[in-house]
Each structure stands twice: as structure tokens, then as C-alpha cells.
Protein backbone atom coordinates (compact mmCIF):
# COMPACT_ATOMS: atom_id res chain seq x y z
CA GLN A 1 -105.21 -4.49 30.13
CA VAL A 2 -105.18 -6.93 27.23
CA SER A 3 -106.83 -10.30 26.72
CA ARG A 4 -105.34 -13.20 24.76
CA THR A 5 -106.59 -16.71 24.02
CA LEU A 6 -104.32 -19.71 23.50
CA PRO A 7 -105.23 -23.22 22.34
CA VAL A 8 -104.37 -26.13 24.63
CA PRO A 9 -103.53 -29.57 23.12
CA LYS A 10 -106.37 -32.00 23.85
CA VAL A 11 -104.06 -34.65 25.32
CA GLN A 12 -102.71 -32.12 27.82
CA VAL A 13 -105.99 -30.56 28.94
CA LYS A 14 -106.52 -32.48 32.20
CA HIS A 15 -102.95 -31.75 33.32
CA PHE A 16 -102.95 -28.05 32.44
CA MET A 17 -106.49 -27.06 33.37
CA THR A 18 -106.26 -27.32 37.15
CA LEU A 19 -106.60 -24.88 40.02
CA LYS A 20 -102.94 -25.40 40.93
CA THR A 21 -101.60 -24.55 37.48
CA ARG A 22 -103.86 -21.51 37.32
CA GLN A 23 -102.54 -20.26 40.67
CA VAL A 24 -98.90 -20.85 39.70
CA LEU A 25 -99.36 -18.78 36.55
CA LEU A 26 -101.15 -15.99 38.41
CA ASP A 27 -98.43 -15.88 41.09
CA SER A 28 -95.46 -16.09 38.71
CA THR A 29 -96.65 -13.59 36.10
CA GLY A 30 -98.95 -11.18 37.94
CA LEU A 31 -101.89 -11.79 35.59
CA SER A 32 -105.20 -10.25 36.60
CA ASP A 33 -107.08 -13.39 35.60
CA LEU A 34 -106.75 -16.69 33.77
CA SER A 35 -109.68 -18.83 32.70
CA TRP A 36 -109.83 -22.34 31.26
CA ASP A 37 -112.31 -23.50 28.63
CA ASP A 38 -112.20 -27.29 28.25
CA ASP A 39 -114.43 -27.36 25.18
CA ALA A 40 -114.03 -30.83 23.67
CA ASP A 41 -113.42 -29.51 20.15
CA ALA A 42 -111.19 -26.53 20.91
CA PRO A 43 -109.85 -26.36 24.49
CA ARG A 44 -108.22 -23.04 25.27
CA CYS A 45 -107.18 -20.64 27.99
CA THR A 46 -107.72 -16.88 28.19
CA LEU A 47 -105.13 -14.59 29.75
CA LEU A 48 -105.98 -11.15 31.14
CA GLY A 49 -103.50 -8.56 32.37
CA ALA A 50 -100.98 -5.96 31.33
CA ALA A 51 -99.28 -6.66 28.00
CA GLN A 52 -95.99 -7.67 29.64
CA GLN A 53 -97.77 -10.04 32.03
CA VAL A 54 -99.74 -11.67 29.24
CA ASP A 55 -96.58 -12.06 27.14
CA GLU A 56 -94.78 -13.77 30.02
CA ALA A 57 -97.73 -16.07 30.75
CA GLU A 58 -97.98 -17.03 27.09
CA ARG A 59 -94.23 -17.76 26.95
CA ARG A 60 -94.45 -20.02 30.00
CA LEU A 61 -97.52 -21.85 28.71
CA ARG A 62 -96.15 -22.44 25.23
CA ARG A 63 -92.84 -23.66 26.65
CA ALA A 64 -94.58 -26.08 29.01
CA MET A 65 -96.84 -27.38 26.24
CA THR A 66 -93.83 -27.95 24.00
CA HIS A 67 -91.81 -29.88 26.58
CA CYS A 68 -94.84 -31.95 27.61
CA GLN A 69 -95.12 -33.50 24.15
CA TRP A 70 -92.91 -36.35 25.43
CA GLY A 71 -94.95 -37.21 28.51
CA VAL A 72 -97.19 -35.05 30.66
CA SER A 73 -98.38 -34.96 34.27
CA GLU A 74 -99.68 -32.20 36.49
CA ALA A 75 -96.44 -32.26 38.50
CA LYS A 76 -94.39 -31.81 35.33
CA VAL A 77 -96.63 -28.94 34.16
CA LEU A 78 -96.32 -27.19 37.52
CA SER A 79 -92.56 -27.60 37.50
CA LEU A 80 -92.20 -26.13 34.01
CA LEU A 81 -94.54 -23.20 34.69
CA ALA A 82 -92.79 -22.27 37.93
CA GLN A 83 -89.20 -22.42 36.68
CA LYS A 84 -86.91 -19.55 37.61
CA PRO A 85 -83.14 -18.92 37.39
CA CYS A 86 -80.97 -21.14 39.56
CA ALA A 87 -77.33 -21.35 40.64
CA SER A 88 -77.00 -25.12 40.68
CA ALA A 89 -78.75 -28.46 40.32
CA LYS A 90 -78.35 -31.91 41.84
CA LEU A 91 -79.03 -34.73 39.39
CA LEU A 92 -79.51 -38.23 40.74
CA LEU A 93 -80.18 -41.04 38.27
CA SER A 94 -81.80 -44.06 39.92
CA PRO A 95 -81.57 -47.19 37.74
CA THR A 96 -84.69 -49.19 36.99
CA VAL A 97 -82.70 -52.37 36.29
CA PRO A 98 -79.90 -54.02 38.35
CA SER A 99 -77.34 -53.84 35.52
CA LEU A 100 -77.13 -50.03 35.68
CA ALA A 101 -75.47 -48.03 38.45
CA GLN A 102 -76.87 -45.08 40.38
CA GLY A 103 -75.06 -41.78 39.99
CA VAL A 104 -75.17 -38.28 41.47
CA TRP A 105 -73.88 -35.09 39.86
CA HIS A 106 -73.75 -31.52 41.14
CA LEU A 107 -74.12 -29.14 38.23
CA SER A 108 -73.45 -25.41 38.01
CA ALA A 109 -72.72 -22.72 35.42
CA ALA A 110 -69.05 -23.71 35.56
CA LYS A 111 -69.74 -27.45 35.17
CA GLY A 112 -73.12 -27.86 33.59
CA ARG A 113 -72.88 -30.99 31.45
CA VAL A 114 -73.12 -34.75 32.06
CA THR A 115 -72.52 -37.23 29.23
CA LEU A 116 -74.17 -40.66 28.83
CA GLY A 117 -73.28 -43.50 26.51
CA SER A 118 -71.55 -46.84 25.99
CA ALA A 119 -67.99 -45.46 25.97
CA LYS A 120 -66.13 -45.60 29.29
CA SER A 121 -65.23 -41.92 28.94
CA ASN A 122 -68.84 -40.91 29.68
CA ASP A 123 -70.04 -39.74 33.08
CA VAL A 124 -72.92 -42.24 32.86
CA LEU A 125 -71.94 -45.61 31.44
CA VAL A 126 -74.82 -47.44 29.76
CA PRO A 127 -73.76 -50.62 27.90
CA GLY A 128 -75.70 -52.17 25.05
CA ALA A 129 -75.39 -53.08 21.38
CA LEU A 130 -77.81 -50.31 20.38
CA MET A 131 -76.29 -47.65 22.64
CA SER A 132 -74.13 -45.04 20.91
CA ARG A 133 -70.67 -44.29 22.27
CA GLN A 134 -72.06 -40.89 23.23
CA HIS A 135 -75.81 -41.38 23.43
CA ALA A 136 -77.21 -38.37 25.27
CA LEU A 137 -76.18 -35.22 27.13
CA PHE A 138 -77.60 -33.51 30.19
CA GLU A 139 -77.17 -29.74 30.19
CA LEU A 140 -77.99 -27.22 32.92
CA GLU A 141 -79.09 -23.73 31.88
CA THR A 142 -78.95 -21.62 35.03
CA GLU A 143 -80.66 -18.59 33.47
CA ARG A 144 -83.74 -20.69 32.70
CA GLY A 145 -83.47 -22.80 35.82
CA ALA A 146 -83.79 -25.94 33.70
CA LEU A 147 -81.99 -29.20 33.04
CA TYR A 148 -82.23 -30.40 29.45
CA ILE A 149 -81.53 -33.75 27.84
CA LEU A 150 -80.14 -33.81 24.33
CA ASP A 151 -80.35 -37.05 22.33
CA VAL A 152 -77.36 -37.51 20.00
CA SER A 153 -77.79 -41.25 19.38
CA THR A 154 -78.64 -43.47 16.43
CA ASN A 155 -81.28 -45.62 18.13
CA GLY A 156 -82.95 -43.08 20.37
CA THR A 157 -83.57 -41.92 23.91
CA PHE A 158 -87.12 -42.26 25.24
CA LEU A 159 -89.06 -40.24 27.81
CA TYR A 160 -92.19 -42.02 29.04
CA GLY A 161 -91.95 -44.20 25.94
CA HIS A 162 -91.80 -41.25 23.53
CA ARG A 163 -88.69 -40.95 21.40
CA LEU A 164 -86.94 -37.63 21.90
CA PRO A 165 -86.06 -35.47 18.89
CA LYS A 166 -82.47 -35.98 17.82
CA ASN A 167 -80.25 -33.00 18.68
CA GLY A 168 -83.24 -31.22 20.23
CA LYS A 169 -83.29 -30.12 23.87
CA VAL A 170 -86.12 -31.36 26.07
CA ALA A 171 -86.56 -30.14 29.66
CA LEU A 172 -86.39 -32.78 32.38
CA CYS A 173 -88.34 -32.67 35.62
CA HIS A 174 -88.14 -34.56 38.91
CA GLY A 175 -89.78 -37.95 38.51
CA ASP A 176 -89.26 -38.29 34.75
CA GLU A 177 -88.48 -41.77 33.43
CA LEU A 178 -85.75 -42.19 30.82
CA VAL A 179 -85.55 -45.44 28.86
CA PHE A 180 -82.95 -46.69 26.37
CA PRO A 181 -82.95 -49.59 23.86
CA GLU A 182 -82.74 -52.95 25.65
CA PRO A 183 -79.21 -54.42 25.54
CA SER A 184 -80.68 -57.79 24.51
CA ALA A 185 -81.41 -56.40 21.04
CA SER A 186 -78.32 -56.91 18.87
CA GLY A 187 -77.12 -57.84 15.43
CA ALA A 188 -77.30 -56.15 12.05
CA GLY A 189 -80.59 -54.42 11.46
CA ALA A 190 -81.77 -54.89 15.05
CA LYS A 191 -84.54 -52.52 16.05
CA PRO A 192 -84.77 -50.81 19.45
CA VAL A 193 -86.83 -52.75 21.98
CA LEU A 194 -88.13 -50.82 24.98
CA GLY A 195 -88.58 -52.21 28.46
CA GLU A 196 -87.38 -50.81 31.77
CA PHE A 197 -83.72 -50.32 30.84
CA GLY A 198 -83.10 -46.80 32.07
CA PHE A 199 -83.29 -44.37 34.97
CA MET A 200 -85.69 -42.39 37.12
CA VAL A 201 -84.68 -38.72 37.24
CA ASN A 202 -84.34 -37.12 40.67
CA LEU A 203 -83.71 -33.42 40.37
CA GLU A 204 -83.19 -30.57 42.83
CA PHE A 205 -82.40 -26.96 41.93
CA GLY A 206 -80.49 -24.63 44.19
């Protein structure tokens, strides 16, 4: 058996260091043991098990920590740690303002992309002076069992108020809140204003 210690970002400690997340990692990787150390200066976790088990646990933890940079909750952590390959996904976007419409999409390996933007050719139409014609993409990766959002806009896509990296994939989880620049902001040099203009993500994997 081998032992390995990983640092845990301070802002994520209370969401990662729970009995539920510990059990999910033990069950999904076969680790012999996992311990949390919530030291205020250097929080960390220690993994114990066979080399392959420790490698897999580290991969899952690092991936979850990365995708939780743009909003974190225990439910999101559990979802990311427990991900496994899937055949399909049902994406339901519930609008948080009356001017947007609800939509449902059934994604699979054959049809795994949904487009969002101000152009009528998109699957999800979101009007607004600061919305790009193609603003963001949703992509299903069945091998990872994950749905990603990819921001391709000029003025940004926001997850829990955090701007997503342009052209970078960020995993979405059930209950995530996506927000876009308010349509009231317009004119040359207008800066994005955030409110509740967006969607709640409802996600089921099959």
C-alpha cells in the first residue's frame, strides 16, 4: 500500500471534508482509508491504498477541486466525485426570469451538443445586447459521464456569479445556476451587469 497527501483549497474545505464525500471516494475507488486534516493553514487529505486506487482517488479529487472553482457545494462535490460513464443525459433549463423559455434536451453520444446564444439558429435562444450570436455550448462526454459548458462569448457566462474561462470546459451539475449579462445593458462600451437573467440546470444521466 502507498500513502499520498493532497492539499485542499481553503474555500472548499467545508464542502469536501465531510463523511459523505469520504464514503463516496472509498466506495468508488476501493481505497483502504482516507483522512481529512482541516488545519487552518494547510488543509489536506491523506489517501491510503494500492497505487492504482490512490491514483484514481487523486484524479477524482483534483478534477472535482478544479471544477468547483466556479461555485462549490457538498452536492456538487459528491456529484463530481461519483461520476461514471453514461449512455445519455436529460438537460432541462429552467429560466429564472419570465423573458426566457424553458427547454429540454435529450443528449447522447450521437447527439451530444446544445448551442446557446442570441442567433435564432441556436437550440437555446437568449436575447440581449451583450449576448454573442453563439454564446455558449453544452457538451456531453459519455465516457466521463459529464455535461460540460463551454463559454465562447465576448461578455461572459457566469456560474454562481463566477465568470467561466473562455473556451474552457467546466462540468455542470444538477442545481447549478447559470447567469448571463442583463439585456438592459447596451450601447458602446457597456459592461456586463449580472442579475438573475439565466437558468437553473436540471440534469439527469442515464
